[in-house]
Amino acid sequence: MTTKNFQYRMLIAFMLCSFAAQSQTKRSTAMNIQKFNVIGISTRTTNENGQSAKDIEKLWVKFWTEEIQRQIPNKVNDDIYAVYTDYKADFNGPYTTIIGLAVSSLENIPQGFVGITIETAAYQKFISKGKMPAAVFNTWLEIWQNDKLNRAYKADFTIHEKKYYDGDHAEVETYISIKE
């Protein structure tokens, strides 16, 4: 499947789910992010044929309905992280998505949960603004179309802070690992 075909199918899938909205993406300069840990729940998925939209939506539903954030020990704060890692090759192949919280330690990972250390690395930061989750999806479309980004495909992540819940003025930060 070509990148354009994939992007078209993903866009249609999100539009059918009534996620259409006005949004914008701001890109900042590259930066180094220091090592941190996340505990959460995960799924292995692929962007092929829009599968990731289905799998990741199910993961979010599980996160909220099972109150996963309340079950995570050693949490640093209440910011929610969606981590995209363990890429087979690039965004067209299989990868793992983890939804969880930053933690001070990976000791005592609850059964059925996973823990990951995001190593210190260079990242490009994007800020999605507008109605969620459409604004984040539009940011990912921009990232996937950007041939000059020089992605490392180590661990990418979004941070869903309190601004995420601000209706049409919501914000989410997306960090893409890049080669130094």
N, C-alpha and C. Protein backbone atom coordinates (compact mmCIF):
# COMPACT_ATOMS: atom_id res chain seq x y z
N MET A 1 0.84 -1.17 0.00
CA MET A 1 0.00 0.00 0.00
C MET A 1 0.89 1.23 0.00
N THR A 2 0.58 2.20 -0.83
CA THR A 2 1.37 3.42 -0.89
C THR A 2 1.05 4.31 0.29
N THR A 3 1.96 5.24 0.58
CA THR A 3 1.75 6.18 1.68
C THR A 3 0.50 7.00 1.45
N LYS A 4 0.30 7.49 0.23
CA LYS A 4 -0.89 8.30 -0.06
C LYS A 4 -2.16 7.49 0.11
N ASN A 5 -2.16 6.24 -0.34
CA ASN A 5 -3.33 5.38 -0.19
C ASN A 5 -3.63 5.15 1.29
N PHE A 6 -2.59 4.89 2.06
CA PHE A 6 -2.77 4.69 3.49
C PHE A 6 -3.34 5.94 4.15
N GLN A 7 -2.77 7.10 3.83
CA GLN A 7 -3.23 8.33 4.43
C GLN A 7 -4.68 8.61 4.06
N TYR A 8 -5.05 8.34 2.84
CA TYR A 8 -6.43 8.54 2.41
C TYR A 8 -7.37 7.64 3.21
N ARG A 9 -7.01 6.36 3.36
CA ARG A 9 -7.87 5.44 4.11
C ARG A 9 -7.98 5.84 5.58
N MET A 10 -6.87 6.28 6.17
CA MET A 10 -6.92 6.72 7.56
C MET A 10 -7.81 7.95 7.70
N LEU A 11 -7.70 8.87 6.77
CA LEU A 11 -8.51 10.08 6.82
C LEU A 11 -9.99 9.73 6.73
N ILE A 12 -10.35 8.85 5.82
CA ILE A 12 -11.74 8.43 5.67
C ILE A 12 -12.23 7.77 6.96
N ALA A 13 -11.41 6.89 7.54
CA ALA A 13 -11.80 6.21 8.77
C ALA A 13 -12.10 7.21 9.88
N PHE A 14 -11.25 8.20 10.04
CA PHE A 14 -11.47 9.18 11.10
C PHE A 14 -12.67 10.07 10.79
N MET A 15 -12.87 10.41 9.52
CA MET A 15 -14.03 11.24 9.16
C MET A 15 -15.32 10.49 9.43
N LEU A 16 -15.35 9.20 9.14
CA LEU A 16 -16.54 8.41 9.39
C LEU A 16 -16.86 8.33 10.88
N CYS A 17 -15.85 8.49 11.70
CA CYS A 17 -16.06 8.46 13.15
C CYS A 17 -16.40 9.85 13.70
N SER A 18 -16.72 10.78 12.83
CA SER A 18 -17.10 12.15 13.21
C SER A 18 -16.00 12.89 13.94
N PHE A 19 -14.77 12.72 13.49
CA PHE A 19 -13.66 13.41 14.12
C PHE A 19 -13.24 14.65 13.35
N ALA A 20 -13.98 15.04 12.33
CA ALA A 20 -13.60 16.19 11.52
C ALA A 20 -13.68 17.45 12.38
N ALA A 21 -12.66 18.28 12.31
CA ALA A 21 -12.63 19.51 13.10
C ALA A 21 -11.56 20.44 12.58
N GLN A 22 -11.65 21.70 12.96
CA GLN A 22 -10.61 22.66 12.65
C GLN A 22 -9.45 22.41 13.60
N SER A 23 -8.24 22.41 13.06
CA SER A 23 -7.08 22.21 13.91
C SER A 23 -5.86 22.81 13.25
N GLN A 24 -4.82 22.94 14.02
CA GLN A 24 -3.55 23.40 13.48
C GLN A 24 -2.43 22.71 14.22
N THR A 25 -1.27 22.64 13.55
CA THR A 25 -0.09 22.03 14.15
C THR A 25 1.04 23.04 14.16
N LYS A 26 1.65 23.23 15.31
CA LYS A 26 2.83 24.07 15.42
C LYS A 26 4.03 23.17 15.61
N ARG A 27 5.09 23.45 14.87
CA ARG A 27 6.32 22.66 14.98
C ARG A 27 7.39 23.51 15.63
N SER A 28 8.06 22.96 16.60
CA SER A 28 9.15 23.68 17.24
C SER A 28 10.48 23.09 16.79
N THR A 29 11.54 23.62 17.34
CA THR A 29 12.87 23.13 16.98
C THR A 29 13.14 21.79 17.64
N ALA A 30 14.17 21.14 17.15
CA ALA A 30 14.58 19.86 17.73
C ALA A 30 15.09 20.08 19.15
N MET A 31 14.93 19.07 19.98
CA MET A 31 15.37 19.16 21.38
C MET A 31 15.74 17.78 21.88
N ASN A 32 16.49 17.75 22.96
CA ASN A 32 16.79 16.48 23.63
C ASN A 32 15.80 16.28 24.76
N ILE A 33 15.28 15.07 24.86
CA ILE A 33 14.38 14.69 25.95
C ILE A 33 15.14 13.71 26.84
N GLN A 34 15.11 13.97 28.13
CA GLN A 34 15.80 13.10 29.09
C GLN A 34 15.02 11.80 29.31
N LYS A 35 15.74 10.79 29.68
CA LYS A 35 15.18 9.45 29.92
C LYS A 35 14.04 9.51 30.93
N PHE A 36 12.96 8.74 30.65
CA PHE A 36 11.85 8.60 31.58
C PHE A 36 11.18 7.25 31.37
N ASN A 37 10.37 6.85 32.34
CA ASN A 37 9.68 5.55 32.31
C ASN A 37 8.17 5.74 32.18
N VAL A 38 7.52 4.77 31.55
CA VAL A 38 6.07 4.76 31.41
C VAL A 38 5.57 3.35 31.72
N ILE A 39 4.49 3.27 32.48
CA ILE A 39 3.76 2.02 32.68
C ILE A 39 2.36 2.22 32.11
N GLY A 40 1.89 1.20 31.38
CA GLY A 40 0.56 1.30 30.81
C GLY A 40 0.12 -0.02 30.19
N ILE A 41 -0.84 0.09 29.30
CA ILE A 41 -1.35 -1.07 28.56
C ILE A 41 -0.93 -0.92 27.11
N SER A 42 -0.85 -2.04 26.38
CA SER A 42 -0.30 -1.96 25.03
C SER A 42 -1.06 -2.82 24.04
N THR A 43 -0.79 -2.53 22.77
CA THR A 43 -1.28 -3.34 21.67
C THR A 43 -0.25 -3.27 20.55
N ARG A 44 -0.14 -4.34 19.81
CA ARG A 44 0.70 -4.37 18.61
C ARG A 44 -0.23 -4.12 17.44
N THR A 45 0.13 -3.19 16.56
CA THR A 45 -0.75 -2.82 15.46
C THR A 45 0.05 -2.45 14.22
N THR A 46 -0.65 -2.07 13.18
CA THR A 46 -0.05 -1.61 11.94
C THR A 46 -0.97 -0.56 11.33
N ASN A 47 -0.41 0.34 10.57
CA ASN A 47 -1.22 1.35 9.88
C ASN A 47 -1.85 0.80 8.61
N GLU A 48 -1.48 -0.40 8.21
CA GLU A 48 -2.01 -0.99 6.99
C GLU A 48 -3.53 -1.17 7.09
N ASN A 49 -4.22 -0.76 6.05
CA ASN A 49 -5.68 -0.89 5.95
C ASN A 49 -6.43 -0.25 7.12
N GLY A 50 -5.85 0.78 7.72
CA GLY A 50 -6.51 1.49 8.81
C GLY A 50 -6.62 0.70 10.10
N GLN A 51 -5.85 -0.39 10.23
CA GLN A 51 -5.94 -1.24 11.42
C GLN A 51 -5.60 -0.49 12.70
N SER A 52 -4.62 0.41 12.64
CA SER A 52 -4.21 1.11 13.86
C SER A 52 -5.34 1.96 14.43
N ALA A 53 -6.15 2.55 13.58
CA ALA A 53 -7.27 3.36 14.08
C ALA A 53 -8.20 2.51 14.94
N LYS A 54 -8.47 1.29 14.51
CA LYS A 54 -9.34 0.38 15.27
C LYS A 54 -8.65 -0.07 16.56
N ASP A 55 -7.40 -0.53 16.44
CA ASP A 55 -6.69 -1.08 17.59
C ASP A 55 -6.44 -0.03 18.67
N ILE A 56 -6.01 1.16 18.24
CA ILE A 56 -5.69 2.20 19.20
C ILE A 56 -6.96 2.74 19.86
N GLU A 57 -8.04 2.83 19.10
CA GLU A 57 -9.31 3.24 19.71
C GLU A 57 -9.73 2.25 20.79
N LYS A 58 -9.60 0.95 20.52
CA LYS A 58 -9.93 -0.07 21.53
C LYS A 58 -9.05 0.08 22.78
N LEU A 59 -7.77 0.40 22.56
CA LEU A 59 -6.85 0.57 23.68
C LEU A 59 -7.27 1.77 24.54
N TRP A 60 -7.65 2.89 23.89
CA TRP A 60 -8.13 4.06 24.63
C TRP A 60 -9.41 3.73 25.40
N VAL A 61 -10.32 3.00 24.78
CA VAL A 61 -11.57 2.62 25.46
C VAL A 61 -11.24 1.80 26.71
N LYS A 62 -10.33 0.84 26.57
CA LYS A 62 -9.93 0.03 27.72
C LYS A 62 -9.29 0.90 28.80
N PHE A 63 -8.43 1.83 28.39
CA PHE A 63 -7.75 2.72 29.33
C PHE A 63 -8.77 3.47 30.19
N TRP A 64 -9.80 4.01 29.53
CA TRP A 64 -10.80 4.80 30.27
C TRP A 64 -11.79 3.93 31.03
N THR A 65 -12.31 2.89 30.42
CA THR A 65 -13.36 2.09 31.08
C THR A 65 -12.82 1.28 32.25
N GLU A 66 -11.58 0.85 32.17
CA GLU A 66 -10.99 0.07 33.27
C GLU A 66 -10.19 0.95 34.24
N GLU A 67 -10.27 2.27 34.04
CA GLU A 67 -9.57 3.23 34.90
C GLU A 67 -8.11 2.83 35.11
N ILE A 68 -7.44 2.59 34.02
CA ILE A 68 -6.04 2.14 34.05
C ILE A 68 -5.16 3.10 34.83
N GLN A 69 -5.38 4.40 34.67
CA GLN A 69 -4.52 5.39 35.34
C GLN A 69 -4.53 5.23 36.86
N ARG A 70 -5.62 4.73 37.42
CA ARG A 70 -5.70 4.53 38.87
C ARG A 70 -4.92 3.29 39.33
N GLN A 71 -4.61 2.41 38.41
CA GLN A 71 -3.93 1.15 38.74
C GLN A 71 -2.41 1.22 38.59
N ILE A 72 -1.90 2.34 38.11
CA ILE A 72 -0.47 2.47 37.83
C ILE A 72 0.27 2.96 39.08
N PRO A 73 1.24 2.17 39.58
CA PRO A 73 2.01 2.59 40.75
C PRO A 73 3.13 3.56 40.38
N ASN A 74 3.59 4.31 41.35
CA ASN A 74 4.76 5.19 41.21
C ASN A 74 4.59 6.29 40.16
N LYS A 75 3.34 6.71 39.91
CA LYS A 75 3.14 7.72 38.86
C LYS A 75 3.71 9.06 39.29
N VAL A 76 4.27 9.77 38.30
CA VAL A 76 4.89 11.07 38.53
C VAL A 76 3.83 12.16 38.58
N ASN A 77 2.83 12.07 37.69
CA ASN A 77 1.72 13.02 37.64
C ASN A 77 0.56 12.36 36.89
N ASP A 78 -0.45 13.12 36.53
CA ASP A 78 -1.62 12.55 35.87
C ASP A 78 -1.60 12.72 34.35
N ASP A 79 -0.51 13.22 33.77
CA ASP A 79 -0.42 13.35 32.31
C ASP A 79 -0.43 11.96 31.68
N ILE A 80 -1.20 11.82 30.61
CA ILE A 80 -1.32 10.54 29.93
C ILE A 80 -0.38 10.52 28.73
N TYR A 81 0.37 9.44 28.59
CA TYR A 81 1.30 9.27 27.48
C TYR A 81 0.78 8.18 26.54
N ALA A 82 0.84 8.46 25.25
CA ALA A 82 0.62 7.44 24.23
C ALA A 82 1.97 7.27 23.54
N VAL A 83 2.59 6.12 23.72
CA VAL A 83 3.93 5.85 23.20
C VAL A 83 3.82 4.91 22.00
N TYR A 84 4.55 5.24 20.94
CA TYR A 84 4.59 4.43 19.72
C TYR A 84 6.03 3.97 19.56
N THR A 85 6.25 2.66 19.63
CA THR A 85 7.61 2.14 19.71
C THR A 85 7.71 0.76 19.07
N ASP A 86 8.90 0.21 19.10
CA ASP A 86 9.15 -1.13 18.58
C ASP A 86 8.70 -1.24 17.12
N TYR A 87 9.05 -0.21 16.35
CA TYR A 87 8.72 -0.19 14.92
C TYR A 87 9.48 -1.29 14.20
N LYS A 88 8.80 -2.06 13.36
CA LYS A 88 9.48 -3.08 12.57
C LYS A 88 10.39 -2.41 11.54
N ALA A 89 9.93 -1.33 10.95
CA ALA A 89 10.74 -0.60 9.97
C ALA A 89 10.45 0.90 10.07
N ASP A 90 9.25 1.28 9.63
CA ASP A 90 8.83 2.67 9.70
C ASP A 90 7.33 2.70 10.00
N PHE A 91 6.67 3.84 9.77
CA PHE A 91 5.26 3.94 10.14
C PHE A 91 4.34 3.07 9.30
N ASN A 92 4.84 2.51 8.21
CA ASN A 92 4.02 1.63 7.38
C ASN A 92 3.97 0.19 7.91
N GLY A 93 4.90 -0.17 8.77
CA GLY A 93 4.95 -1.54 9.29
C GLY A 93 4.38 -1.65 10.69
N PRO A 94 4.45 -2.83 11.28
CA PRO A 94 3.94 -3.04 12.64
C PRO A 94 4.72 -2.23 13.68
N TYR A 95 4.03 -1.85 14.73
CA TYR A 95 4.63 -1.14 15.86
C TYR A 95 3.76 -1.38 17.09
N THR A 96 4.27 -1.01 18.25
CA THR A 96 3.55 -1.18 19.51
C THR A 96 3.10 0.18 20.02
N THR A 97 1.86 0.24 20.49
CA THR A 97 1.34 1.44 21.13
C THR A 97 1.11 1.13 22.61
N ILE A 98 1.57 2.04 23.46
CA ILE A 98 1.38 1.92 24.91
C ILE A 98 0.67 3.18 25.38
N ILE A 99 -0.39 3.03 26.14
CA ILE A 99 -1.07 4.17 26.75
C ILE A 99 -0.92 4.02 28.25
N GLY A 100 -0.32 5.05 28.88
CA GLY A 100 -0.07 4.96 30.31
C GLY A 100 0.37 6.27 30.90
N LEU A 101 1.10 6.18 32.00
CA LEU A 101 1.56 7.35 32.73
C LEU A 101 3.07 7.26 32.97
N ALA A 102 3.71 8.43 33.07
CA ALA A 102 5.12 8.47 33.46
C ALA A 102 5.23 8.05 34.92
N VAL A 103 6.24 7.25 35.20
CA VAL A 103 6.43 6.72 36.56
C VAL A 103 7.88 6.92 37.00
N SER A 104 8.08 6.93 38.31
CA SER A 104 9.42 7.09 38.86
C SER A 104 10.22 5.80 38.83
N SER A 105 9.53 4.67 38.70
CA SER A 105 10.20 3.37 38.73
C SER A 105 9.39 2.34 37.95
N LEU A 106 10.11 1.39 37.35
CA LEU A 106 9.44 0.29 36.66
C LEU A 106 9.29 -0.94 37.56
N GLU A 107 9.53 -0.76 38.85
CA GLU A 107 9.28 -1.85 39.79
C GLU A 107 7.78 -1.98 39.99
N ASN A 108 7.32 -3.16 40.24
CA ASN A 108 5.91 -3.41 40.53
C ASN A 108 4.98 -3.09 39.37
N ILE A 109 5.31 -3.59 38.19
CA ILE A 109 4.42 -3.42 37.04
C ILE A 109 3.23 -4.37 37.23
N PRO A 110 2.00 -3.85 37.27
CA PRO A 110 0.84 -4.72 37.47
C PRO A 110 0.70 -5.77 36.36
N GLN A 111 0.11 -6.90 36.71
CA GLN A 111 -0.11 -7.96 35.73
C GLN A 111 -0.98 -7.43 34.59
N GLY A 112 -0.59 -7.75 33.36
CA GLY A 112 -1.32 -7.29 32.19
C GLY A 112 -0.87 -5.92 31.69
N PHE A 113 0.03 -5.28 32.43
CA PHE A 113 0.57 -3.98 32.03
C PHE A 113 1.97 -4.18 31.47
N VAL A 114 2.51 -3.14 30.85
CA VAL A 114 3.89 -3.16 30.36
C VAL A 114 4.61 -1.92 30.88
N GLY A 115 5.91 -2.01 30.94
CA GLY A 115 6.75 -0.87 31.31
C GLY A 115 7.77 -0.63 30.23
N ILE A 116 8.10 0.63 30.01
CA ILE A 116 9.08 0.97 28.99
C ILE A 116 9.91 2.15 29.49
N THR A 117 11.19 2.13 29.16
CA THR A 117 12.07 3.27 29.40
C THR A 117 12.28 3.97 28.07
N ILE A 118 11.93 5.23 28.03
CA ILE A 118 12.20 6.07 26.86
C ILE A 118 13.58 6.67 27.11
N GLU A 119 14.55 6.26 26.32
CA GLU A 119 15.93 6.70 26.53
C GLU A 119 16.13 8.16 26.09
N THR A 120 17.14 8.80 26.66
CA THR A 120 17.50 10.16 26.26
C THR A 120 17.79 10.16 24.76
N ALA A 121 17.18 11.09 24.04
CA ALA A 121 17.34 11.13 22.58
C ALA A 121 16.89 12.49 22.05
N ALA A 122 17.18 12.69 20.77
CA ALA A 122 16.75 13.91 20.07
C ALA A 122 15.32 13.72 19.58
N TYR A 123 14.52 14.78 19.72
CA TYR A 123 13.12 14.75 19.32
C TYR A 123 12.74 16.04 18.60
N GLN A 124 11.76 15.92 17.73
CA GLN A 124 11.11 17.08 17.13
C GLN A 124 9.74 17.19 17.80
N LYS A 125 9.42 18.36 18.31
CA LYS A 125 8.16 18.56 19.03
C LYS A 125 7.13 19.21 18.11
N PHE A 126 5.92 18.68 18.15
CA PHE A 126 4.78 19.24 17.44
C PHE A 126 3.68 19.51 18.47
N ILE A 127 2.94 20.59 18.29
CA ILE A 127 1.82 20.89 19.18
C ILE A 127 0.55 20.89 18.35
N SER A 128 -0.37 20.00 18.69
CA SER A 128 -1.68 19.93 18.02
C SER A 128 -2.64 20.83 18.78
N LYS A 129 -3.34 21.70 18.04
CA LYS A 129 -4.32 22.59 18.67
C LYS A 129 -5.65 22.45 17.96
N GLY A 130 -6.72 22.37 18.75
CA GLY A 130 -8.06 22.26 18.19
C GLY A 130 -8.83 21.14 18.85
N LYS A 131 -9.90 20.72 18.21
CA LYS A 131 -10.76 19.67 18.76
C LYS A 131 -10.05 18.32 18.65
N MET A 132 -10.05 17.59 19.74
CA MET A 132 -9.41 16.28 19.79
C MET A 132 -10.43 15.19 19.54
N PRO A 133 -10.04 14.07 18.98
CA PRO A 133 -8.70 13.65 18.58
C PRO A 133 -8.31 14.07 17.17
N ALA A 134 -9.19 14.81 16.46
CA ALA A 134 -8.90 15.19 15.08
C ALA A 134 -7.60 15.98 14.96
N ALA A 135 -7.35 16.88 15.91
CA ALA A 135 -6.14 17.70 15.83
C ALA A 135 -4.88 16.84 15.89
N VAL A 136 -4.88 15.83 16.75
CA VAL A 136 -3.72 14.93 16.84
C VAL A 136 -3.58 14.13 15.55
N PHE A 137 -4.69 13.65 15.02
CA PHE A 137 -4.64 12.89 13.77
C PHE A 137 -4.07 13.75 12.64
N ASN A 138 -4.49 15.01 12.56
CA ASN A 138 -3.96 15.91 11.53
C ASN A 138 -2.46 16.12 11.70
N THR A 139 -2.00 16.18 12.94
CA THR A 139 -0.56 16.29 13.18
C THR A 139 0.16 15.05 12.66
N TRP A 140 -0.39 13.87 12.92
CA TRP A 140 0.24 12.64 12.42
C TRP A 140 0.26 12.64 10.89
N LEU A 141 -0.78 13.13 10.25
CA LEU A 141 -0.77 13.20 8.78
C LEU A 141 0.39 14.07 8.30
N GLU A 142 0.60 15.21 8.96
CA GLU A 142 1.72 16.08 8.60
C GLU A 142 3.06 15.38 8.83
N ILE A 143 3.17 14.65 9.92
CA ILE A 143 4.42 13.94 10.22
C ILE A 143 4.68 12.87 9.16
N TRP A 144 3.66 12.08 8.81
CA TRP A 144 3.82 11.01 7.83
C TRP A 144 4.19 11.55 6.46
N GLN A 145 3.75 12.75 6.13
CA GLN A 145 4.03 13.34 4.82
C GLN A 145 5.37 14.06 4.78
N ASN A 146 6.02 14.24 5.91
CA ASN A 146 7.25 15.01 5.99
C ASN A 146 8.47 14.13 5.71
N ASP A 147 8.99 14.22 4.49
CA ASP A 147 10.14 13.42 4.10
C ASP A 147 11.46 13.95 4.67
N LYS A 148 11.47 15.17 5.19
CA LYS A 148 12.70 15.79 5.69
C LYS A 148 12.86 15.64 7.21
N LEU A 149 11.97 14.93 7.85
CA LEU A 149 11.98 14.83 9.30
C LEU A 149 13.13 13.97 9.84
N ASN A 150 13.64 13.03 9.05
CA ASN A 150 14.77 12.18 9.44
C ASN A 150 14.46 11.41 10.73
N ARG A 151 13.33 10.70 10.72
CA ARG A 151 12.86 9.98 11.90
C ARG A 151 13.79 8.83 12.29
N ALA A 152 13.92 8.61 13.59
CA ALA A 152 14.74 7.52 14.12
C ALA A 152 13.92 6.26 14.37
N TYR A 153 12.61 6.39 14.53
CA TYR A 153 11.71 5.26 14.80
C TYR A 153 12.12 4.48 16.04
N LYS A 154 12.53 5.20 17.09
CA LYS A 154 12.84 4.57 18.37
C LYS A 154 11.58 4.53 19.22
N ALA A 155 11.20 5.68 19.74
CA ALA A 155 9.97 5.80 20.52
C ALA A 155 9.42 7.20 20.30
N ASP A 156 8.24 7.28 19.74
CA ASP A 156 7.54 8.55 19.57
C ASP A 156 6.44 8.57 20.63
N PHE A 157 6.01 9.76 21.04
CA PHE A 157 4.96 9.79 22.06
C PHE A 157 4.18 11.10 22.02
N THR A 158 2.95 11.01 22.51
CA THR A 158 2.13 12.19 22.73
C THR A 158 1.89 12.33 24.22
N ILE A 159 1.77 13.58 24.66
CA ILE A 159 1.47 13.85 26.07
C ILE A 159 0.11 14.54 26.13
N HIS A 160 -0.80 13.92 26.85
CA HIS A 160 -2.16 14.45 27.01
C HIS A 160 -2.26 15.05 28.41
N GLU A 161 -2.01 16.36 28.47
CA GLU A 161 -2.06 17.08 29.75
C GLU A 161 -3.47 17.64 29.95
N LYS A 162 -3.63 18.50 30.93
CA LYS A 162 -4.94 19.09 31.22
C LYS A 162 -5.51 19.87 30.04
N LYS A 163 -4.64 20.45 29.20
CA LYS A 163 -5.11 21.21 28.03
C LYS A 163 -5.85 20.31 27.04
N TYR A 164 -5.66 19.00 27.13
CA TYR A 164 -6.33 18.06 26.23
C TYR A 164 -7.85 18.15 26.36
N TYR A 165 -8.33 18.53 27.51
CA TYR A 165 -9.76 18.54 27.80
C TYR A 165 -10.41 19.90 27.56
N ASP A 166 -9.74 20.80 26.84
CA ASP A 166 -10.21 22.17 26.64
C ASP A 166 -11.02 22.35 25.36
N GLY A 167 -11.87 21.38 25.03
CA GLY A 167 -12.80 21.49 23.90
C GLY A 167 -12.13 21.86 22.59
N ASP A 168 -12.63 22.90 21.93
CA ASP A 168 -12.10 23.33 20.64
C ASP A 168 -10.72 23.98 20.75
N HIS A 169 -10.27 24.25 21.97
CA HIS A 169 -8.96 24.89 22.19
C HIS A 169 -7.96 23.94 22.84
N ALA A 170 -8.21 22.65 22.71
CA ALA A 170 -7.36 21.64 23.33
C ALA A 170 -5.96 21.63 22.70
N GLU A 171 -5.00 21.12 23.45
CA GLU A 171 -3.62 20.98 22.96
C GLU A 171 -3.04 19.64 23.39
N VAL A 172 -2.26 19.05 22.48
CA VAL A 172 -1.51 17.83 22.77
C VAL A 172 -0.12 18.01 22.17
N GLU A 173 0.89 17.61 22.92
CA GLU A 173 2.27 17.65 22.43
C GLU A 173 2.64 16.29 21.87
N THR A 174 3.24 16.29 20.67
CA THR A 174 3.72 15.07 20.03
C THR A 174 5.22 15.19 19.86
N TYR A 175 5.95 14.16 20.27
CA TYR A 175 7.40 14.14 20.17
C TYR A 175 7.81 12.99 19.25
N ILE A 176 8.55 13.32 18.20
CA ILE A 176 8.99 12.34 17.21
C ILE A 176 10.50 12.17 17.35
N SER A 177 10.94 10.93 17.56
CA SER A 177 12.39 10.68 17.68
C SER A 177 13.05 10.91 16.33
N ILE A 178 14.16 11.64 16.36
CA ILE A 178 14.87 11.96 15.12
C ILE A 178 16.33 11.55 15.25
N LYS A 179 16.95 11.34 14.08
CA LYS A 179 18.37 11.00 14.06
C LYS A 179 19.18 12.25 14.35
N GLU A 180 20.24 12.08 15.13
CA GLU A 180 21.09 13.23 15.48
C GLU A 180 22.13 13.49 14.43
